[in-house]
Amino acid sequence: MGNEDQKYRNEMIVLIKKLSGPDGKRVSKQFEAVVKKQDAIDKRNMKRLEEIVRQYGWPTRSMFGAEASGAAFLIVQHADLD
């Protein structure tokens, strides 16, 4: 889930840097498509994380390891939450 959380974020950063260039209009469409893909992943990850938290509690380092705990943080950070 951590890899999925980051799947399109680097591509988004590259596209943001190109938005003001001569291909801005084309890049804008590419950016929107990438954001849409990442949003779908973010929603799926958040749903799964909620299931994990309900079943096991927050994925702490001692219980799940540093990588999983860090991924959980990123998933919440990128979630569309109130």
PDB file of N, CA and C in Angstrom:
ATOM      1  N   MET A   1       0.820  -1.185   0.000  1.00  0.00           N
ATOM      2  CA  MET A   1       0.000   0.000   0.000  1.00  0.00           C
ATOM      3  C   MET A   1       0.868   1.253   0.000  1.00  0.00           C
ATOM      4  N   GLY A   2       2.025   1.164   0.622  1.00  0.00           N
ATOM      5  CA  GLY A   2       2.932   2.308   0.637  1.00  0.00           C
ATOM      6  C   GLY A   2       3.431   2.642  -0.761  1.00  0.00           C
ATOM      7  N   ASN A   3       3.779   1.619  -1.534  1.00  0.00           N
ATOM      8  CA  ASN A   3       4.222   1.850  -2.912  1.00  0.00           C
ATOM      9  C   ASN A   3       3.092   2.435  -3.751  1.00  0.00           C
ATOM     10  N   GLU A   4       1.893   1.929  -3.561  1.00  0.00           N
ATOM     11  CA  GLU A   4       0.734   2.448  -4.280  1.00  0.00           C
ATOM     12  C   GLU A   4       0.484   3.910  -3.920  1.00  0.00           C
ATOM     13  N   ASP A   5       0.679   4.253  -2.650  1.00  0.00           N
ATOM     14  CA  ASP A   5       0.472   5.635  -2.211  1.00  0.00           C
ATOM     15  C   ASP A   5       1.381   6.598  -2.974  1.00  0.00           C
ATOM     16  N   GLN A   6       2.555   6.140  -3.322  1.00  0.00           N
ATOM     17  CA  GLN A   6       3.532   7.003  -3.986  1.00  0.00           C
ATOM     18  C   GLN A   6       3.568   6.824  -5.501  1.00  0.00           C
ATOM     19  N   LYS A   7       2.735   5.926  -6.026  1.00  0.00           N
ATOM     20  CA  LYS A   7       2.812   5.505  -7.422  1.00  0.00           C
ATOM     21  C   LYS A   7       2.870   6.661  -8.422  1.00  0.00           C
ATOM     22  N   TYR A   8       1.998   7.622  -8.313  1.00  0.00           N
ATOM     23  CA  TYR A   8       1.933   8.706  -9.293  1.00  0.00           C
ATOM     24  C   TYR A   8       2.402  10.055  -8.748  1.00  0.00           C
ATOM     25  N   ARG A   9       2.775  10.125  -7.490  1.00  0.00           N
ATOM     26  CA  ARG A   9       3.117  11.417  -6.896  1.00  0.00           C
ATOM     27  C   ARG A   9       4.350  12.055  -7.537  1.00  0.00           C
ATOM     28  N   ASN A  10       5.379  11.280  -7.828  1.00  0.00           N
ATOM     29  CA  ASN A  10       6.569  11.845  -8.481  1.00  0.00           C
ATOM     30  C   ASN A  10       6.234  12.349  -9.880  1.00  0.00           C
ATOM     31  N   GLU A  11       5.387  11.603 -10.588  1.00  0.00           N
ATOM     32  CA  GLU A  11       4.964  12.039 -11.918  1.00  0.00           C
ATOM     33  C   GLU A  11       4.184  13.349 -11.826  1.00  0.00           C
ATOM     34  N   MET A  12       3.375  13.487 -10.798  1.00  0.00           N
ATOM     35  CA  MET A  12       2.617  14.719 -10.598  1.00  0.00           C
ATOM     36  C   MET A  12       3.555  15.909 -10.390  1.00  0.00           C
ATOM     37  N   ILE A  13       4.615  15.712  -9.625  1.00  0.00           N
ATOM     38  CA  ILE A  13       5.583  16.779  -9.367  1.00  0.00           C
ATOM     39  C   ILE A  13       6.253  17.212 -10.673  1.00  0.00           C
ATOM     40  N   VAL A  14       6.645  16.251 -11.482  1.00  0.00           N
ATOM     41  CA  VAL A  14       7.278  16.564 -12.769  1.00  0.00           C
ATOM     42  C   VAL A  14       6.315  17.357 -13.649  1.00  0.00           C
ATOM     43  N   LEU A  15       5.061  16.925 -13.697  1.00  0.00           N
ATOM     44  CA  LEU A  15       4.072  17.611 -14.535  1.00  0.00           C
ATOM     45  C   LEU A  15       3.781  19.024 -14.028  1.00  0.00           C
ATOM     46  N   ILE A  16       3.743  19.202 -12.722  1.00  0.00           N
ATOM     47  CA  ILE A  16       3.516  20.544 -12.159  1.00  0.00           C
ATOM     48  C   ILE A  16       4.596  21.512 -12.646  1.00  0.00           C
ATOM     49  N   LYS A  17       5.824  21.039 -12.683  1.00  0.00           N
ATOM     50  CA  LYS A  17       6.926  21.884 -13.130  1.00  0.00           C
ATOM     51  C   LYS A  17       6.807  22.260 -14.604  1.00  0.00           C
ATOM     52  N   LYS A  18       6.104  21.433 -15.385  1.00  0.00           N
ATOM     53  CA  LYS A  18       5.959  21.676 -16.817  1.00  0.00           C
ATOM     54  C   LYS A  18       4.702  22.475 -17.163  1.00  0.00           C
ATOM     55  N   LEU A  19       3.824  22.698 -16.210  1.00  0.00           N
ATOM     56  CA  LEU A  19       2.546  23.358 -16.496  1.00  0.00           C
ATOM     57  C   LEU A  19       2.699  24.753 -17.089  1.00  0.00           C
ATOM     58  N   SER A  20       3.702  25.485 -16.679  1.00  0.00           N
ATOM     59  CA  SER A  20       3.863  26.856 -17.167  1.00  0.00           C
ATOM     60  C   SER A  20       4.642  26.927 -18.479  1.00  0.00           C
ATOM     61  N   GLY A  21       5.047  25.780 -18.990  1.00  0.00           N
ATOM     62  CA  GLY A  21       5.814  25.761 -20.234  1.00  0.00           C
ATOM     63  C   GLY A  21       4.929  25.850 -21.471  1.00  0.00           C
ATOM     64  N   PRO A  22       5.539  25.740 -22.629  1.00  0.00           N
ATOM     65  CA  PRO A  22       4.807  25.887 -23.895  1.00  0.00           C
ATOM     66  C   PRO A  22       3.753  24.797 -24.116  1.00  0.00           C
ATOM     67  N   ASP A  23       3.916  23.643 -23.499  1.00  0.00           N
ATOM     68  CA  ASP A  23       2.956  22.547 -23.630  1.00  0.00           C
ATOM     69  C   ASP A  23       1.972  22.515 -22.471  1.00  0.00           C
ATOM     70  N   GLY A  24       1.764  23.647 -21.829  1.00  0.00           N
ATOM     71  CA  GLY A  24       0.951  23.721 -20.620  1.00  0.00           C
ATOM     72  C   GLY A  24      -0.422  23.104 -20.747  1.00  0.00           C
ATOM     73  N   LYS A  25      -1.076  23.317 -21.860  1.00  0.00           N
ATOM     74  CA  LYS A  25      -2.431  22.794 -22.046  1.00  0.00           C
ATOM     75  C   LYS A  25      -2.430  21.261 -22.084  1.00  0.00           C
ATOM     76  N   ARG A  26      -1.494  20.705 -22.841  1.00  0.00           N
ATOM     77  CA  ARG A  26      -1.381  19.244 -22.929  1.00  0.00           C
ATOM     78  C   ARG A  26      -0.971  18.654 -21.581  1.00  0.00           C
ATOM     79  N   VAL A  27      -0.018  19.301 -20.942  1.00  0.00           N
ATOM     80  CA  VAL A  27       0.464  18.851 -19.636  1.00  0.00           C
ATOM     81  C   VAL A  27      -0.663  18.910 -18.604  1.00  0.00           C
ATOM     82  N   SER A  28      -1.503  19.921 -18.701  1.00  0.00           N
ATOM     83  CA  SER A  28      -2.629  20.056 -17.773  1.00  0.00           C
ATOM     84  C   SER A  28      -3.554  18.849 -17.857  1.00  0.00           C
ATOM     85  N   LYS A  29      -3.815  18.394 -19.070  1.00  0.00           N
ATOM     86  CA  LYS A  29      -4.665  17.209 -19.252  1.00  0.00           C
ATOM     87  C   LYS A  29      -3.985  15.967 -18.697  1.00  0.00           C
ATOM     88  N   GLN A  30      -2.695  15.842 -18.910  1.00  0.00           N
ATOM     89  CA  GLN A  30      -1.939  14.715 -18.364  1.00  0.00           C
ATOM     90  C   GLN A  30      -1.987  14.747 -16.836  1.00  0.00           C
ATOM     91  N   PHE A  31      -1.793  15.937 -16.283  1.00  0.00           N
ATOM     92  CA  PHE A  31      -1.799  16.096 -14.828  1.00  0.00           C
ATOM     93  C   PHE A  31      -3.150  15.671 -14.253  1.00  0.00           C
ATOM     94  N   GLU A  32      -4.225  16.127 -14.863  1.00  0.00           N
ATOM     95  CA  GLU A  32      -5.564  15.762 -14.393  1.00  0.00           C
ATOM     96  C   GLU A  32      -5.771  14.251 -14.419  1.00  0.00           C
ATOM     97  N   ALA A  33      -5.291  13.589 -15.476  1.00  0.00           N
ATOM     98  CA  ALA A  33      -5.428  12.136 -15.580  1.00  0.00           C
ATOM     99  C   ALA A  33      -4.641  11.421 -14.482  1.00  0.00           C
ATOM    100  N   VAL A  34      -3.438  11.904 -14.219  1.00  0.00           N
ATOM    101  CA  VAL A  34      -2.597  11.293 -13.181  1.00  0.00           C
ATOM    102  C   VAL A  34      -3.217  11.506 -11.801  1.00  0.00           C
ATOM    103  N   VAL A  35      -3.725  12.696 -11.551  1.00  0.00           N
ATOM    104  CA  VAL A  35      -4.371  12.981 -10.262  1.00  0.00           C
ATOM    105  C   VAL A  35      -5.571  12.058 -10.063  1.00  0.00           C
ATOM    106  N   LYS A  36      -6.338  11.847 -11.106  1.00  0.00           N
ATOM    107  CA  LYS A  36      -7.510  10.969 -11.023  1.00  0.00           C
ATOM    108  C   LYS A  36      -7.095   9.536 -10.652  1.00  0.00           C
ATOM    109  N   LYS A  37      -6.028   9.051 -11.271  1.00  0.00           N
ATOM    110  CA  LYS A  37      -5.519   7.710 -10.954  1.00  0.00           C
ATOM    111  C   LYS A  37      -5.063   7.635  -9.499  1.00  0.00           C
ATOM    112  N   GLN A  38      -4.318   8.667  -9.060  1.00  0.00           N
ATOM    113  CA  GLN A  38      -3.807   8.651  -7.688  1.00  0.00           C
ATOM    114  C   GLN A  38      -4.943   8.772  -6.685  1.00  0.00           C
ATOM    115  N   ASP A  39      -5.949   9.568  -6.995  1.00  0.00           N
ATOM    116  CA  ASP A  39      -7.102   9.701  -6.093  1.00  0.00           C
ATOM    117  C   ASP A  39      -7.798   8.359  -5.891  1.00  0.00           C
ATOM    118  N   ALA A  40      -7.933   7.586  -6.952  1.00  0.00           N
ATOM    119  CA  ALA A  40      -8.565   6.267  -6.846  1.00  0.00           C
ATOM    120  C   ALA A  40      -7.747   5.351  -5.942  1.00  0.00           C
ATOM    121  N   ILE A  41      -6.440   5.409  -6.091  1.00  0.00           N
ATOM    122  CA  ILE A  41      -5.556   4.608  -5.229  1.00  0.00           C
ATOM    123  C   ILE A  41      -5.678   5.074  -3.788  1.00  0.00           C
ATOM    124  N   ASP A  42      -5.679   6.387  -3.566  1.00  0.00           N
ATOM    125  CA  ASP A  42      -5.771   6.922  -2.210  1.00  0.00           C
ATOM    126  C   ASP A  42      -7.059   6.468  -1.525  1.00  0.00           C
ATOM    127  N   LYS A  43      -8.154   6.484  -2.240  1.00  0.00           N
ATOM    128  CA  LYS A  43      -9.434   6.040  -1.663  1.00  0.00           C
ATOM    129  C   LYS A  43      -9.403   4.557  -1.330  1.00  0.00           C
ATOM    130  N   ARG A  44      -8.862   3.764  -2.232  1.00  0.00           N
ATOM    131  CA  ARG A  44      -8.760   2.315  -1.999  1.00  0.00           C
ATOM    132  C   ARG A  44      -7.858   2.016  -0.804  1.00  0.00           C
ATOM    133  N   ASN A  45      -6.722   2.706  -0.734  1.00  0.00           N
ATOM    134  CA  ASN A  45      -5.802   2.509   0.392  1.00  0.00           C
ATOM    135  C   ASN A  45      -6.442   2.900   1.718  1.00  0.00           C
ATOM    136  N   MET A  46      -7.156   4.017   1.737  1.00  0.00           N
ATOM    137  CA  MET A  46      -7.782   4.466   2.975  1.00  0.00           C
ATOM    138  C   MET A  46      -8.844   3.478   3.435  1.00  0.00           C
ATOM    139  N   LYS A  47      -9.611   2.957   2.512  1.00  0.00           N
ATOM    140  CA  LYS A  47     -10.628   1.958   2.861  1.00  0.00           C
ATOM    141  C   LYS A  47      -9.972   0.729   3.497  1.00  0.00           C
ATOM    142  N   ARG A  48      -8.890   0.264   2.892  1.00  0.00           N
ATOM    143  CA  ARG A  48      -8.194  -0.909   3.427  1.00  0.00           C
ATOM    144  C   ARG A  48      -7.552  -0.591   4.776  1.00  0.00           C
ATOM    145  N   LEU A  49      -6.973   0.583   4.920  1.00  0.00           N
ATOM    146  CA  LEU A  49      -6.369   0.963   6.201  1.00  0.00           C
ATOM    147  C   LEU A  49      -7.426   1.008   7.294  1.00  0.00           C
ATOM    148  N   GLU A  50      -8.598   1.530   6.980  1.00  0.00           N
ATOM    149  CA  GLU A  50      -9.687   1.546   7.969  1.00  0.00           C
ATOM    150  C   GLU A  50     -10.046   0.132   8.413  1.00  0.00           C
ATOM    151  N   GLU A  51     -10.058  -0.816   7.484  1.00  0.00           N
ATOM    152  CA  GLU A  51     -10.328  -2.219   7.827  1.00  0.00           C
ATOM    153  C   GLU A  51      -9.249  -2.766   8.756  1.00  0.00           C
ATOM    154  N   ILE A  52      -8.005  -2.464   8.447  1.00  0.00           N
ATOM    155  CA  ILE A  52      -6.877  -2.930   9.264  1.00  0.00           C
ATOM    156  C   ILE A  52      -6.962  -2.349  10.667  1.00  0.00           C
ATOM    157  N   VAL A  53      -7.250  -1.051  10.756  1.00  0.00           N
ATOM    158  CA  VAL A  53      -7.328  -0.391  12.066  1.00  0.00           C
ATOM    159  C   VAL A  53      -8.477  -0.981  12.884  1.00  0.00           C
ATOM    160  N   ARG A  54      -9.605  -1.241  12.232  1.00  0.00           N
ATOM    161  CA  ARG A  54     -10.727  -1.848  12.964  1.00  0.00           C
ATOM    162  C   ARG A  54     -10.355  -3.227  13.510  1.00  0.00           C
ATOM    163  N   GLN A  55      -9.626  -3.994  12.724  1.00  0.00           N
ATOM    164  CA  GLN A  55      -9.298  -5.360  13.126  1.00  0.00           C
ATOM    165  C   GLN A  55      -8.125  -5.434  14.109  1.00  0.00           C
ATOM    166  N   TYR A  56      -7.091  -4.622  13.888  1.00  0.00           N
ATOM    167  CA  TYR A  56      -5.853  -4.759  14.662  1.00  0.00           C
ATOM    168  C   TYR A  56      -5.474  -3.527  15.476  1.00  0.00           C
ATOM    169  N   GLY A  57      -6.116  -2.398  15.213  1.00  0.00           N
ATOM    170  CA  GLY A  57      -5.676  -1.138  15.789  1.00  0.00           C
ATOM    171  C   GLY A  57      -4.678  -0.490  14.847  1.00  0.00           C
ATOM    172  N   TRP A  58      -4.163   0.680  15.249  1.00  0.00           N
ATOM    173  CA  TRP A  58      -3.218   1.395  14.399  1.00  0.00           C
ATOM    174  C   TRP A  58      -1.980   0.532  14.168  1.00  0.00           C
ATOM    175  N   PRO A  59      -1.490   0.441  12.924  1.00  0.00           N
ATOM    176  CA  PRO A  59      -0.317  -0.380  12.619  1.00  0.00           C
ATOM    177  C   PRO A  59       0.982   0.240  13.153  1.00  0.00           C
ATOM    178  N   THR A  60       1.276  -0.075  14.381  1.00  0.00           N
ATOM    179  CA  THR A  60       2.484   0.457  15.021  1.00  0.00           C
ATOM    180  C   THR A  60       3.735  -0.232  14.481  1.00  0.00           C
ATOM    181  N   ARG A  61       4.861   0.396  14.720  1.00  0.00           N
ATOM    182  CA  ARG A  61       6.141  -0.195  14.315  1.00  0.00           C
ATOM    183  C   ARG A  61       6.372  -1.539  14.991  1.00  0.00           C
ATOM    184  N   SER A  62       6.062  -1.602  16.280  1.00  0.00           N
ATOM    185  CA  SER A  62       6.334  -2.844  17.015  1.00  0.00           C
ATOM    186  C   SER A  62       5.450  -3.995  16.540  1.00  0.00           C
ATOM    187  N   MET A  63       4.282  -3.673  16.041  1.00  0.00           N
ATOM    188  CA  MET A  63       3.367  -4.728  15.615  1.00  0.00           C
ATOM    189  C   MET A  63       3.528  -5.082  14.124  1.00  0.00           C
ATOM    190  N   PHE A  64       3.747  -4.072  13.272  1.00  0.00           N
ATOM    191  CA  PHE A  64       3.773  -4.286  11.826  1.00  0.00           C
ATOM    192  C   PHE A  64       5.104  -3.961  11.164  1.00  0.00           C
ATOM    193  N   GLY A  65       5.998  -3.276  11.875  1.00  0.00           N
ATOM    194  CA  GLY A  65       7.273  -2.876  11.297  1.00  0.00           C
ATOM    195  C   GLY A  65       7.245  -1.421  10.852  1.00  0.00           C
ATOM    196  N   ALA A  66       8.426  -0.870  10.671  1.00  0.00           N
ATOM    197  CA  ALA A  66       8.568   0.546  10.338  1.00  0.00           C
ATOM    198  C   ALA A  66       7.973   0.882   8.975  1.00  0.00           C
ATOM    199  N   GLU A  67       8.160   0.016   7.994  1.00  0.00           N
ATOM    200  CA  GLU A  67       7.668   0.307   6.647  1.00  0.00           C
ATOM    201  C   GLU A  67       6.137   0.394   6.619  1.00  0.00           C
ATOM    202  N   ALA A  68       5.481  -0.560   7.240  1.00  0.00           N
ATOM    203  CA  ALA A  68       4.008  -0.564   7.266  1.00  0.00           C
ATOM    204  C   ALA A  68       3.470   0.613   8.073  1.00  0.00           C
ATOM    205  N   SER A  69       4.110   0.906   9.180  1.00  0.00           N
ATOM    206  CA  SER A  69       3.671   2.031  10.002  1.00  0.00           C
ATOM    207  C   SER A  69       3.824   3.350   9.240  1.00  0.00           C
ATOM    208  N   GLY A  70       4.932   3.500   8.541  1.00  0.00           N
ATOM    209  CA  GLY A  70       5.155   4.691   7.734  1.00  0.00           C
ATOM    210  C   GLY A  70       4.156   4.797   6.592  1.00  0.00           C
ATOM    211  N   ALA A  71       3.846   3.668   5.971  1.00  0.00           N
ATOM    212  CA  ALA A  71       2.862   3.666   4.884  1.00  0.00           C
ATOM    213  C   ALA A  71       1.492   4.085   5.408  1.00  0.00           C
ATOM    214  N   ALA A  72       1.141   3.624   6.593  1.00  0.00           N
ATOM    215  CA  ALA A  72      -0.149   4.008   7.183  1.00  0.00           C
ATOM    216  C   ALA A  72      -0.211   5.512   7.380  1.00  0.00           C
ATOM    217  N   PHE A  73       0.866   6.095   7.842  1.00  0.00           N
ATOM    218  CA  PHE A  73       0.915   7.550   8.010  1.00  0.00           C
ATOM    219  C   PHE A  73       0.698   8.267   6.677  1.00  0.00           C
ATOM    220  N   LEU A  74       1.397   7.816   5.627  1.00  0.00           N
ATOM    221  CA  LEU A  74       1.253   8.445   4.318  1.00  0.00           C
ATOM    222  C   LEU A  74      -0.172   8.327   3.791  1.00  0.00           C
ATOM    223  N   ILE A  75      -0.780   7.177   4.004  1.00  0.00           N
ATOM    224  CA  ILE A  75      -2.143   6.953   3.529  1.00  0.00           C
ATOM    225  C   ILE A  75      -3.099   7.934   4.196  1.00  0.00           C
ATOM    226  N   VAL A  76      -2.963   8.101   5.501  1.00  0.00           N
ATOM    227  CA  VAL A  76      -3.821   9.060   6.208  1.00  0.00           C
ATOM    228  C   VAL A  76      -3.496  10.484   5.769  1.00  0.00           C
ATOM    229  N   GLN A  77      -2.237  10.785   5.597  1.00  0.00           N
ATOM    230  CA  GLN A  77      -1.820  12.131   5.180  1.00  0.00           C
ATOM    231  C   GLN A  77      -2.436  12.500   3.829  1.00  0.00           C
ATOM    232  N   HIS A  78      -2.543  11.552   2.928  1.00  0.00           N
ATOM    233  CA  HIS A  78      -3.049  11.824   1.587  1.00  0.00           C
ATOM    234  C   HIS A  78      -4.535  11.566   1.436  1.00  0.00           C
ATOM    235  N   ALA A  79      -5.191  11.144   2.496  1.00  0.00           N
ATOM    236  CA  ALA A  79      -6.627  10.854   2.443  1.00  0.00           C
ATOM    237  C   ALA A  79      -7.445  12.153   2.442  1.00  0.00           C
ATOM    238  N   ASP A  80      -8.602  12.062   1.857  1.00  0.00           N
ATOM    239  CA  ASP A  80      -9.529  13.188   1.839  1.00  0.00           C
ATOM    240  C   ASP A  80     -10.396  13.091   3.106  1.00  0.00           C
ATOM    241  N   LEU A  81      -9.888  13.632   4.205  1.00  0.00           N
ATOM    242  CA  LEU A  81     -10.556  13.535   5.499  1.00  0.00           C
ATOM    243  C   LEU A  81     -11.003  14.908   5.981  1.00  0.00           C
ATOM    244  N   ASP A  82     -12.067  14.937   6.748  1.00  0.00           N
ATOM    245  CA  ASP A  82     -12.531  16.180   7.364  1.00  0.00           C
ATOM    246  C   ASP A  82     -11.680  16.532   8.568  1.00  0.00           C
TER     247      ASP A  82
END
